[in-house]
C-alpha cells in the first residue's frame, strides 16, 4: 500500500462559513491518538437554513488523516489520508463514541 502525504489547510475555528444551503462552523480540531499515531479530526456543526428542502442541522467530523507534519506553515499541516475501509469503519465508531456527530467524512 502506498502512502500519500497531502497538505491540509486549517479552518478558522469559530468562523461561520456561508454556503448556498446554509452555513457551517468548525468548533475545534482534535489530535486523536490512534494506534501509535495521531489522527486529525475536525469537529463542527452545519445548519441548513437557506435550502429549498427545509431547515435542519447536524454535528460533523472531518478526518483529513494521520498527522505527518504539524503546522509546517502558518495555516497548513501535512496529513496521510485514511484509505483502508475497515480502519475507516473503526475510526468512525470511535469518533461517534466520543463526539455528538452524525456525519463523518474522510479526506481522500
PDB file of N, CA and C in Angstrom:
ATOM      1  N   UNK A   1       0.844  -1.175   0.000  1.00  0.00           N
ATOM      2  CA  UNK A   1       0.000   0.000   0.000  1.00  0.00           C
ATOM      3  C   UNK A   1       0.893   1.243   0.000  1.00  0.00           C
ATOM      4  N   UNK A   2       0.641   2.152  -0.923  1.00  0.00           N
ATOM      5  CA  UNK A   2       1.433   3.372  -0.993  1.00  0.00           C
ATOM      6  C   UNK A   2       0.817   4.437  -0.099  1.00  0.00           C
ATOM      7  N   UNK A   3       1.662   5.301   0.441  1.00  0.00           N
ATOM      8  CA  UNK A   3       1.169   6.391   1.273  1.00  0.00           C
ATOM      9  C   UNK A   3       1.279   7.686   0.504  1.00  0.00           C
ATOM     10  N   UNK A   4       0.285   8.510   0.665  1.00  0.00           N
ATOM     11  CA  UNK A   4       0.245   9.798   0.001  1.00  0.00           C
ATOM     12  C   UNK A   4       0.120  10.872   1.059  1.00  0.00           C
ATOM     13  N   UNK A   5       1.094  11.748   1.131  1.00  0.00           N
ATOM     14  CA  UNK A   5       1.038  12.853   2.077  1.00  0.00           C
ATOM     15  C   UNK A   5       0.401  14.036   1.361  1.00  0.00           C
ATOM     16  N   UNK A   6      -0.568  14.640   2.044  1.00  0.00           N
ATOM     17  CA  UNK A   6      -1.290  15.773   1.466  1.00  0.00           C
ATOM     18  C   UNK A   6      -1.205  16.965   2.404  1.00  0.00           C
ATOM     19  N   UNK A   7      -1.391  18.130   1.845  1.00  0.00           N
ATOM     20  CA  UNK A   7      -1.430  19.351   2.633  1.00  0.00           C
ATOM     21  C   UNK A   7      -2.859  19.585   3.102  1.00  0.00           C
ATOM     22  N   UNK A   8      -3.002  19.877   4.382  1.00  0.00           N
ATOM     23  CA  UNK A   8      -4.304  20.222   4.953  1.00  0.00           C
ATOM     24  C   UNK A   8      -4.261  21.683   5.388  1.00  0.00           C
ATOM     25  N   UNK A   9      -5.173  22.488   4.870  1.00  0.00           N
ATOM     26  CA  UNK A   9      -5.263  23.893   5.258  1.00  0.00           C
ATOM     27  C   UNK A   9      -6.251  24.001   6.421  1.00  0.00           C
ATOM     28  N   UNK A  10      -5.745  24.466   7.558  1.00  0.00           N
ATOM     29  CA  UNK A  10      -6.569  24.566   8.763  1.00  0.00           C
ATOM     30  C   UNK A  10      -7.674  25.603   8.583  1.00  0.00           C
ATOM     31  N   UNK A  11      -8.876  25.222   9.021  1.00  0.00           N
ATOM     32  CA  UNK A  11     -10.004  26.147   9.030  1.00  0.00           C
ATOM     33  C   UNK A  11      -9.866  27.076  10.228  1.00  0.00           C
ATOM     34  N   UNK A  12     -10.513  28.205  10.146  1.00  0.00           N
ATOM     35  CA  UNK A  12     -10.513  29.130  11.279  1.00  0.00           C
ATOM     36  C   UNK A  12     -11.605  28.684  12.254  1.00  0.00           C
ATOM     37  N   UNK A  13     -11.194  28.266  13.423  1.00  0.00           N
ATOM     38  CA  UNK A  13     -12.117  27.787  14.444  1.00  0.00           C
ATOM     39  C   UNK A  13     -13.055  28.923  14.849  1.00  0.00           C
ATOM     40  N   UNK A  14     -14.356  28.620  14.887  1.00  0.00           N
ATOM     41  CA  UNK A  14     -15.346  29.598  15.305  1.00  0.00           C
ATOM     42  C   UNK A  14     -15.835  30.530  14.227  1.00  0.00           C
ATOM     43  N   UNK A  15     -15.262  30.467  13.035  1.00  0.00           N
ATOM     44  CA  UNK A  15     -15.656  31.370  11.957  1.00  0.00           C
ATOM     45  C   UNK A  15     -16.775  30.748  11.125  1.00  0.00           C
ATOM     46  N   UNK A  16     -17.875  31.463  10.981  1.00  0.00           N
ATOM     47  CA  UNK A  16     -19.009  30.989  10.200  1.00  0.00           C
ATOM     48  C   UNK A  16     -18.679  31.042   8.713  1.00  0.00           C
ATOM     49  N   UNK A  17     -18.946  29.955   8.030  1.00  0.00           N
ATOM     50  CA  UNK A  17     -18.743  29.884   6.588  1.00  0.00           C
ATOM     51  C   UNK A  17     -20.111  29.683   5.944  1.00  0.00           C
ATOM     52  N   UNK A  18     -20.545  30.677   5.156  1.00  0.00           N
ATOM     53  CA  UNK A  18     -21.849  30.615   4.496  1.00  0.00           C
ATOM     54  C   UNK A  18     -21.709  29.898   3.161  1.00  0.00           C
ATOM     55  N   UNK A  19     -22.765  29.178   2.801  1.00  0.00           N
ATOM     56  CA  UNK A  19     -22.836  28.485   1.522  1.00  0.00           C
ATOM     57  C   UNK A  19     -24.266  28.599   1.003  1.00  0.00           C
ATOM     58  N   UNK A  20     -24.509  28.077  -0.176  1.00  0.00           N
ATOM     59  CA  UNK A  20     -25.814  28.244  -0.804  1.00  0.00           C
ATOM     60  C   UNK A  20     -26.953  27.651   0.026  1.00  0.00           C
ATOM     61  N   UNK A  21     -26.712  26.573   0.750  1.00  0.00           N
ATOM     62  CA  UNK A  21     -27.771  25.923   1.519  1.00  0.00           C
ATOM     63  C   UNK A  21     -27.782  26.261   2.992  1.00  0.00           C
ATOM     64  N   UNK A  22     -26.809  27.031   3.454  1.00  0.00           N
ATOM     65  CA  UNK A  22     -26.746  27.351   4.876  1.00  0.00           C
ATOM     66  C   UNK A  22     -25.359  27.761   5.304  1.00  0.00           C
ATOM     67  N   UNK A  23     -24.899  27.219   6.411  1.00  0.00           N
ATOM     68  CA  UNK A  23     -23.584  27.586   6.939  1.00  0.00           C
ATOM     69  C   UNK A  23     -23.012  26.448   7.766  1.00  0.00           C
ATOM     70  N   UNK A  24     -21.702  26.564   8.038  1.00  0.00           N
ATOM     71  CA  UNK A  24     -21.071  25.647   8.982  1.00  0.00           C
ATOM     72  C   UNK A  24     -20.029  26.403   9.780  1.00  0.00           C
ATOM     73  N   UNK A  25     -19.693  25.837  10.929  1.00  0.00           N
ATOM     74  CA  UNK A  25     -18.685  26.414  11.807  1.00  0.00           C
ATOM     75  C   UNK A  25     -17.808  25.271  12.310  1.00  0.00           C
ATOM     76  N   UNK A  26     -16.497  25.438  12.194  1.00  0.00           N
ATOM     77  CA  UNK A  26     -15.571  24.487  12.811  1.00  0.00           C
ATOM     78  C   UNK A  26     -15.458  24.870  14.274  1.00  0.00           C
ATOM     79  N   UNK A  27     -15.746  23.908  15.149  1.00  0.00           N
ATOM     80  CA  UNK A  27     -15.704  24.166  16.586  1.00  0.00           C
ATOM     81  C   UNK A  27     -14.330  23.928  17.182  1.00  0.00           C
ATOM     82  N   UNK A  28     -13.652  22.876  16.695  1.00  0.00           N
ATOM     83  CA  UNK A  28     -12.310  22.585  17.218  1.00  0.00           C
ATOM     84  C   UNK A  28     -11.626  21.533  16.352  1.00  0.00           C
ATOM     85  N   UNK A  29     -10.323  21.494  16.489  1.00  0.00           N
ATOM     86  CA  UNK A  29      -9.512  20.442  15.876  1.00  0.00           C
ATOM     87  C   UNK A  29      -8.987  19.557  16.996  1.00  0.00           C
ATOM     88  N   UNK A  30      -9.066  18.245  16.784  1.00  0.00           N
ATOM     89  CA  UNK A  30      -8.622  17.280  17.788  1.00  0.00           C
ATOM     90  C   UNK A  30      -7.513  16.436  17.176  1.00  0.00           C
ATOM     91  N   UNK A  31      -6.423  16.293  17.907  1.00  0.00           N
ATOM     92  CA  UNK A  31      -5.363  15.369  17.505  1.00  0.00           C
ATOM     93  C   UNK A  31      -5.556  14.113  18.347  1.00  0.00           C
ATOM     94  N   UNK A  32      -6.230  13.142  17.749  1.00  0.00           N
ATOM     95  CA  UNK A  32      -6.660  11.935  18.458  1.00  0.00           C
ATOM     96  C   UNK A  32      -5.602  10.841  18.348  1.00  0.00           C
ATOM     97  N   UNK A  33      -5.116  10.338  19.479  1.00  0.00           N
ATOM     98  CA  UNK A  33      -4.164   9.218  19.416  1.00  0.00           C
ATOM     99  C   UNK A  33      -4.834   8.016  18.747  1.00  0.00           C
ATOM    100  N   UNK A  34      -4.110   7.377  17.826  1.00  0.00           N
ATOM    101  CA  UNK A  34      -4.669   6.224  17.129  1.00  0.00           C
ATOM    102  C   UNK A  34      -3.570   5.242  16.768  1.00  0.00           C
ATOM    103  N   UNK A  35      -3.493   4.144  17.500  1.00  0.00           N
ATOM    104  CA  UNK A  35      -2.572   3.050  17.230  1.00  0.00           C
ATOM    105  C   UNK A  35      -1.139   3.541  16.977  1.00  0.00           C
ATOM    106  N   UNK A  36      -0.653   4.358  17.910  1.00  0.00           N
ATOM    107  CA  UNK A  36       0.719   4.843  17.843  1.00  0.00           C
ATOM    108  C   UNK A  36       0.929   6.050  16.944  1.00  0.00           C
ATOM    109  N   UNK A  37      -0.147   6.563  16.384  1.00  0.00           N
ATOM    110  CA  UNK A  37      -0.059   7.754  15.524  1.00  0.00           C
ATOM    111  C   UNK A  37      -1.072   8.782  16.021  1.00  0.00           C
ATOM    112  N   UNK A  38      -1.082   9.936  15.376  1.00  0.00           N
ATOM    113  CA  UNK A  38      -2.083  10.950  15.690  1.00  0.00           C
ATOM    114  C   UNK A  38      -2.974  11.145  14.481  1.00  0.00           C
ATOM    115  N   UNK A  39      -4.269  11.163  14.735  1.00  0.00           N
ATOM    116  CA  UNK A  39      -5.262  11.352  13.699  1.00  0.00           C
ATOM    117  C   UNK A  39      -5.856  12.749  13.873  1.00  0.00           C
ATOM    118  N   UNK A  40      -5.891  13.531  12.811  1.00  0.00           N
ATOM    119  CA  UNK A  40      -6.502  14.858  12.874  1.00  0.00           C
ATOM    120  C   UNK A  40      -7.998  14.716  12.620  1.00  0.00           C
ATOM    121  N   UNK A  41      -8.794  15.188  13.579  1.00  0.00           N
ATOM    122  CA  UNK A  41     -10.248  15.156  13.475  1.00  0.00           C
ATOM    123  C   UNK A  41     -10.753  16.580  13.679  1.00  0.00           C
ATOM    124  N   UNK A  42     -11.532  17.071  12.726  1.00  0.00           N
ATOM    125  CA  UNK A  42     -12.076  18.427  12.779  1.00  0.00           C
ATOM    126  C   UNK A  42     -13.564  18.315  13.113  1.00  0.00           C
ATOM    127  N   UNK A  43     -13.967  18.907  14.234  1.00  0.00           N
ATOM    128  CA  UNK A  43     -15.341  18.829  14.711  1.00  0.00           C
ATOM    129  C   UNK A  43     -16.048  20.144  14.391  1.00  0.00           C
ATOM    130  N   UNK A  44     -17.253  20.037  13.843  1.00  0.00           N
ATOM    131  CA  UNK A  44     -18.007  21.236  13.509  1.00  0.00           C
ATOM    132  C   UNK A  44     -19.500  20.991  13.532  1.00  0.00           C
ATOM    133  N   UNK A  45     -20.240  22.029  13.191  1.00  0.00           N
ATOM    134  CA  UNK A  45     -21.692  21.954  13.121  1.00  0.00           C
ATOM    135  C   UNK A  45     -22.140  22.671  11.853  1.00  0.00           C
ATOM    136  N   UNK A  46     -23.105  22.056  11.183  1.00  0.00           N
ATOM    137  CA  UNK A  46     -23.689  22.664   9.994  1.00  0.00           C
ATOM    138  C   UNK A  46     -25.143  22.999  10.246  1.00  0.00           C
ATOM    139  N   UNK A  47     -25.603  24.080   9.630  1.00  0.00           N
ATOM    140  CA  UNK A  47     -27.000  24.495   9.765  1.00  0.00           C
ATOM    141  C   UNK A  47     -27.514  24.813   8.372  1.00  0.00           C
ATOM    142  N   UNK A  48     -28.589  24.139   7.993  1.00  0.00           N
ATOM    143  CA  UNK A  48     -29.149  24.303   6.659  1.00  0.00           C
ATOM    144  C   UNK A  48     -30.412  25.148   6.789  1.00  0.00           C
ATOM    145  N   UNK A  49     -30.290  26.423   6.443  1.00  0.00           N
ATOM    146  CA  UNK A  49     -31.419  27.328   6.639  1.00  0.00           C
ATOM    147  C   UNK A  49     -31.830  28.072   5.372  1.00  0.00           C
ATOM    148  N   UNK A  50     -31.136  27.863   4.282  1.00  0.00           N
ATOM    149  CA  UNK A  50     -31.497  28.513   3.025  1.00  0.00           C
ATOM    150  C   UNK A  50     -31.661  27.478   1.912  1.00  0.00           C
ATOM    151  N   UNK A  51     -31.988  26.276   2.291  1.00  0.00           N
ATOM    152  CA  UNK A  51     -32.160  25.184   1.344  1.00  0.00           C
ATOM    153  C   UNK A  51     -33.616  25.095   0.912  1.00  0.00           C
ATOM    154  N   UNK A  52     -33.840  24.689  -0.320  1.00  0.00           N
ATOM    155  CA  UNK A  52     -35.205  24.513  -0.806  1.00  0.00           C
ATOM    156  C   UNK A  52     -35.871  23.292  -0.176  1.00  0.00           C
ATOM    157  N   UNK A  53     -35.098  22.448   0.473  1.00  0.00           N
ATOM    158  CA  UNK A  53     -35.628  21.194   1.037  1.00  0.00           C
ATOM    159  C   UNK A  53     -36.018  21.304   2.498  1.00  0.00           C
ATOM    160  N   UNK A  54     -35.884  22.483   3.100  1.00  0.00           N
ATOM    161  CA  UNK A  54     -36.234  22.648   4.503  1.00  0.00           C
ATOM    162  C   UNK A  54     -35.048  23.108   5.325  1.00  0.00           C
ATOM    163  N   UNK A  55     -35.205  23.065   6.629  1.00  0.00           N
ATOM    164  CA  UNK A  55     -34.147  23.503   7.537  1.00  0.00           C
ATOM    165  C   UNK A  55     -33.718  22.343   8.423  1.00  0.00           C
ATOM    166  N   UNK A  56     -32.534  22.458   8.977  1.00  0.00           N
ATOM    167  CA  UNK A  56     -32.019  21.428   9.864  1.00  0.00           C
ATOM    168  C   UNK A  56     -30.564  21.684  10.153  1.00  0.00           C
ATOM    169  N   UNK A  57     -29.932  20.707  10.726  1.00  0.00           N
ATOM    170  CA  UNK A  57     -28.519  20.837  11.033  1.00  0.00           C
ATOM    171  C   UNK A  57     -28.000  19.570  11.667  1.00  0.00           C
ATOM    172  N   UNK A  58     -26.687  19.501  11.796  1.00  0.00           N
ATOM    173  CA  UNK A  58     -26.082  18.344  12.447  1.00  0.00           C
ATOM    174  C   UNK A  58     -24.626  18.639  12.774  1.00  0.00           C
ATOM    175  N   UNK A  59     -24.136  17.871  13.734  1.00  0.00           N
ATOM    176  CA  UNK A  59     -22.715  17.911  14.040  1.00  0.00           C
ATOM    177  C   UNK A  59     -21.989  17.031  13.033  1.00  0.00           C
ATOM    178  N   UNK A  60     -20.757  17.413  12.714  1.00  0.00           N
ATOM    179  CA  UNK A  60     -19.975  16.634  11.758  1.00  0.00           C
ATOM    180  C   UNK A  60     -18.533  16.521  12.215  1.00  0.00           C
ATOM    181  N   UNK A  61     -17.857  15.541  11.657  1.00  0.00           N
ATOM    182  CA  UNK A  61     -16.418  15.383  11.857  1.00  0.00           C
ATOM    183  C   UNK A  61     -15.782  15.164  10.495  1.00  0.00           C
ATOM    184  N   UNK A  62     -14.761  15.923  10.205  1.00  0.00           N
ATOM    185  CA  UNK A  62     -13.924  15.692   9.034  1.00  0.00           C
ATOM    186  C   UNK A  62     -12.640  15.057   9.531  1.00  0.00           C
ATOM    187  N   UNK A  63     -12.171  14.037   8.823  1.00  0.00           N
ATOM    188  CA  UNK A  63     -10.947  13.347   9.201  1.00  0.00           C
ATOM    189  C   UNK A  63      -9.962  13.484   8.031  1.00  0.00           C
ATOM    190  N   UNK A  64      -9.136  14.554   8.047  1.00  0.00           N
ATOM    191  CA  UNK A  64      -8.173  14.724   6.959  1.00  0.00           C
ATOM    192  C   UNK A  64      -7.165  13.576   6.874  1.00  0.00           C
ATOM    193  N   UNK A  65      -6.787  13.012   8.043  1.00  0.00           N
ATOM    194  CA  UNK A  65      -5.853  11.885   8.032  1.00  0.00           C
ATOM    195  C   UNK A  65      -4.912  11.900   9.219  1.00  0.00           C
ATOM    196  N   UNK A  66      -3.881  11.062   9.103  1.00  0.00           N
ATOM    197  CA  UNK A  66      -2.853  10.964  10.139  1.00  0.00           C
ATOM    198  C   UNK A  66      -1.902  12.143  10.016  1.00  0.00           C
ATOM    199  N   UNK A  67      -1.542  12.738  11.140  1.00  0.00           N
ATOM    200  CA  UNK A  67      -0.633  13.889  11.144  1.00  0.00           C
ATOM    201  C   UNK A  67       0.773  13.407  10.800  1.00  0.00           C
ATOM    202  N   UNK A  68       1.341  13.990   9.755  1.00  0.00           N
ATOM    203  CA  UNK A  68       2.713  13.709   9.342  1.00  0.00           C
ATOM    204  C   UNK A  68       3.607  14.887   9.732  1.00  0.00           C
ATOM    205  N   UNK A  69       3.107  16.102   9.523  1.00  0.00           N
ATOM    206  CA  UNK A  69       3.822  17.328   9.890  1.00  0.00           C
ATOM    207  C   UNK A  69       2.825  18.348  10.399  1.00  0.00           C
ATOM    208  N   UNK A  70       2.953  18.735  11.674  1.00  0.00           N
ATOM    209  CA  UNK A  70       2.003  19.661  12.276  1.00  0.00           C
ATOM    210  C   UNK A  70       2.443  21.103  12.035  1.00  0.00           C
ATOM    211  N   UNK A  71       1.551  21.887  11.452  1.00  0.00           N
ATOM    212  CA  UNK A  71       1.789  23.307  11.143  1.00  0.00           C
ATOM    213  C   UNK A  71       3.149  23.504  10.470  1.00  0.00           C
ATOM    214  N   UNK A  72       3.304  22.856   9.335  1.00  0.00           N
ATOM    215  CA  UNK A  72       4.536  23.031   8.560  1.00  0.00           C
ATOM    216  C   UNK A  72       4.636  24.444   8.007  1.00  0.00           C
ATOM    217  N   UNK A  73       3.513  25.132   7.926  1.00  0.00           N
ATOM    218  CA  UNK A  73       3.474  26.568   7.664  1.00  0.00           C
ATOM    219  C   UNK A  73       2.439  27.148   8.618  1.00  0.00           C
ATOM    220  N   UNK A  74       2.188  28.428   8.522  1.00  0.00           N
ATOM    221  CA  UNK A  74       1.300  29.086   9.488  1.00  0.00           C
ATOM    222  C   UNK A  74      -0.073  28.433   9.578  1.00  0.00           C
ATOM    223  N   UNK A  75      -0.663  28.057   8.439  1.00  0.00           N
ATOM    224  CA  UNK A  75      -2.024  27.510   8.467  1.00  0.00           C
ATOM    225  C   UNK A  75      -2.158  26.165   7.753  1.00  0.00           C
ATOM    226  N   UNK A  76      -1.049  25.455   7.580  1.00  0.00           N
ATOM    227  CA  UNK A  76      -1.095  24.168   6.893  1.00  0.00           C
ATOM    228  C   UNK A  76      -0.328  23.092   7.663  1.00  0.00           C
ATOM    229  N   UNK A  77      -0.883  21.888   7.603  1.00  0.00           N
ATOM    230  CA  UNK A  77      -0.211  20.708   8.140  1.00  0.00           C
ATOM    231  C   UNK A  77      -0.153  19.662   7.044  1.00  0.00           C
ATOM    232  N   UNK A  78       0.651  18.636   7.268  1.00  0.00           N
ATOM    233  CA  UNK A  78       0.728  17.530   6.325  1.00  0.00           C
ATOM    234  C   UNK A  78       0.046  16.327   6.951  1.00  0.00           C
ATOM    235  N   UNK A  79      -0.803  15.659   6.163  1.00  0.00           N
ATOM    236  CA  UNK A  79      -1.549  14.500   6.644  1.00  0.00           C
ATOM    237  C   UNK A  79      -1.464  13.371   5.625  1.00  0.00           C
ATOM    238  N   UNK A  80      -1.638  12.168   6.143  1.00  0.00           N
ATOM    239  CA  UNK A  80      -1.739  10.979   5.310  1.00  0.00           C
ATOM    240  C   UNK A  80      -3.175  10.474   5.414  1.00  0.00           C
ATOM    241  N   UNK A  81      -3.960  10.522   4.330  1.00  0.00           N
ATOM    242  CA  UNK A  81      -5.367  10.116   4.399  1.00  0.00           C
ATOM    243  C   UNK A  81      -5.533   8.661   4.850  1.00  0.00           C
ATOM    244  N   UNK A  82      -6.641   8.396   5.510  1.00  0.00           N
ATOM    245  CA  UNK A  82      -7.011   7.039   5.913  1.00  0.00           C
ATOM    246  C   UNK A  82      -7.740   6.419   4.726  1.00  0.00           C
ATOM    247  N   UNK A  83      -7.168   5.390   4.142  1.00  0.00           N
ATOM    248  CA  UNK A  83      -7.756   4.806   2.932  1.00  0.00           C
ATOM    249  C   UNK A  83      -8.368   3.430   3.146  1.00  0.00           C
ATOM    250  N   UNK A  84      -7.960   2.726   4.191  1.00  0.00           N
ATOM    251  CA  UNK A  84      -8.453   1.376   4.426  1.00  0.00           C
ATOM    252  C   UNK A  84      -9.904   1.418   4.911  1.00  0.00           C
ATOM    253  N   UNK A  85     -10.836   0.750   4.214  1.00  0.00           N
ATOM    254  CA  UNK A  85     -12.253   0.782   4.606  1.00  0.00           C
ATOM    255  C   UNK A  85     -12.515   0.243   6.013  1.00  0.00           C
ATOM    256  N   UNK A  86     -11.825  -0.810   6.409  1.00  0.00           N
ATOM    257  CA  UNK A  86     -12.020  -1.363   7.755  1.00  0.00           C
ATOM    258  C   UNK A  86     -11.539  -0.387   8.824  1.00  0.00           C
ATOM    259  N   UNK A  87     -10.401   0.254   8.567  1.00  0.00           N
ATOM    260  CA  UNK A  87      -9.879   1.231   9.527  1.00  0.00           C
ATOM    261  C   UNK A  87     -10.815   2.440   9.611  1.00  0.00           C
ATOM    262  N   UNK A  88     -11.355   2.870   8.478  1.00  0.00           N
ATOM    263  CA  UNK A  88     -12.320   3.978   8.482  1.00  0.00           C
ATOM    264  C   UNK A  88     -13.540   3.636   9.334  1.00  0.00           C
ATOM    265  N   UNK A  89     -14.024   2.418   9.207  1.00  0.00           N
ATOM    266  CA  UNK A  89     -15.191   1.993   9.984  1.00  0.00           C
ATOM    267  C   UNK A  89     -14.885   2.004  11.478  1.00  0.00           C
ATOM    268  N   UNK A  90     -13.715   1.530  11.851  1.00  0.00           N
ATOM    269  CA  UNK A  90     -13.322   1.501  13.263  1.00  0.00           C
ATOM    270  C   UNK A  90     -13.155   2.920  13.800  1.00  0.00           C
ATOM    271  N   UNK A  91     -12.540   3.785  13.012  1.00  0.00           N
ATOM    272  CA  UNK A  91     -12.355   5.188  13.416  1.00  0.00           C
ATOM    273  C   UNK A  91     -13.714   5.882  13.544  1.00  0.00           C
ATOM    274  N   UNK A  92     -14.608   5.636  12.597  1.00  0.00           N
ATOM    275  CA  UNK A  92     -15.953   6.217  12.643  1.00  0.00           C
ATOM    276  C   UNK A  92     -16.640   5.843  13.956  1.00  0.00           C
ATOM    277  N   UNK A  93     -16.573   4.581  14.322  1.00  0.00           N
ATOM    278  CA  UNK A  93     -17.178   4.109  15.572  1.00  0.00           C
ATOM    279  C   UNK A  93     -16.549   4.822  16.781  1.00  0.00           C
ATOM    280  N   UNK A  94     -15.232   4.933  16.799  1.00  0.00           N
ATOM    281  CA  UNK A  94     -14.531   5.578  17.918  1.00  0.00           C
ATOM    282  C   UNK A  94     -14.914   7.051  18.038  1.00  0.00           C
ATOM    283  N   UNK A  95     -15.019   7.745  16.915  1.00  0.00           N
ATOM    284  CA  UNK A  95     -15.390   9.165  16.955  1.00  0.00           C
ATOM    285  C   UNK A  95     -16.816   9.330  17.462  1.00  0.00           C
ATOM    286  N   UNK A  96     -17.733   8.493  16.970  1.00  0.00           N
ATOM    287  CA  UNK A  96     -19.130   8.612  17.389  1.00  0.00           C
ATOM    288  C   UNK A  96     -19.324   8.289  18.866  1.00  0.00           C
ATOM    289  N   UNK A  97     -18.429   7.506  19.458  1.00  0.00           N
ATOM    290  CA  UNK A  97     -18.498   7.247  20.899  1.00  0.00           C
ATOM    291  C   UNK A  97     -18.094   8.469  21.712  1.00  0.00           C
ATOM    292  N   UNK A  98     -17.228   9.327  21.147  1.00  0.00           N
ATOM    293  CA  UNK A  98     -16.692  10.476  21.886  1.00  0.00           C
ATOM    294  C   UNK A  98     -17.373  11.793  21.540  1.00  0.00           C
ATOM    295  N   UNK A  99     -17.886  11.916  20.336  1.00  0.00           N
ATOM    296  CA  UNK A  99     -18.403  13.196  19.850  1.00  0.00           C
ATOM    297  C   UNK A  99     -19.873  13.070  19.464  1.00  0.00           C
ATOM    298  N   UNK A 100     -20.604  14.165  19.574  1.00  0.00           N
ATOM    299  CA  UNK A 100     -22.004  14.195  19.152  1.00  0.00           C
ATOM    300  C   UNK A 100     -22.065  14.635  17.691  1.00  0.00           C
ATOM    301  N   UNK A 101     -21.752  13.710  16.807  1.00  0.00           N
ATOM    302  CA  UNK A 101     -21.765  13.991  15.378  1.00  0.00           C
ATOM    303  C   UNK A 101     -22.584  12.931  14.653  1.00  0.00           C
ATOM    304  N   UNK A 102     -23.227  13.338  13.584  1.00  0.00           N
ATOM    305  CA  UNK A 102     -23.988  12.403  12.753  1.00  0.00           C
ATOM    306  C   UNK A 102     -23.212  12.029  11.501  1.00  0.00           C
ATOM    307  N   UNK A 103     -22.481  12.975  10.976  1.00  0.00           N
ATOM    308  CA  UNK A 103     -21.789  12.795   9.697  1.00  0.00           C
ATOM    309  C   UNK A 103     -20.277  12.773   9.915  1.00  0.00           C
ATOM    310  N   UNK A 104     -19.610  11.785   9.336  1.00  0.00           N
ATOM    311  CA  UNK A 104     -18.152  11.716   9.389  1.00  0.00           C
ATOM    312  C   UNK A 104     -17.639  11.546   7.971  1.00  0.00           C
ATOM    313  N   UNK A 105     -16.715  12.433   7.576  1.00  0.00           N
ATOM    314  CA  UNK A 105     -16.172  12.420   6.237  1.00  0.00           C
ATOM    315  C   UNK A 105     -14.656  12.265   6.325  1.00  0.00           C
ATOM    316  N   UNK A 106     -14.123  11.412   5.467  1.00  0.00           N
ATOM    317  CA  UNK A 106     -12.685  11.205   5.416  1.00  0.00           C
ATOM    318  C   UNK A 106     -12.113  11.925   4.195  1.00  0.00           C
ATOM    319  N   UNK A 107     -10.961  12.589   4.394  1.00  0.00           N
ATOM    320  CA  UNK A 107     -10.291  13.249   3.283  1.00  0.00           C
ATOM    321  C   UNK A 107      -9.675  12.211   2.356  1.00  0.00           C
ATOM    322  N   UNK A 108      -9.828  12.427   1.078  1.00  0.00           N
ATOM    323  CA  UNK A 108      -9.264  11.494   0.088  1.00  0.00           C
ATOM    324  C   UNK A 108      -8.206  12.171  -0.758  1.00  0.00           C
TER     325      UNK A 108
END
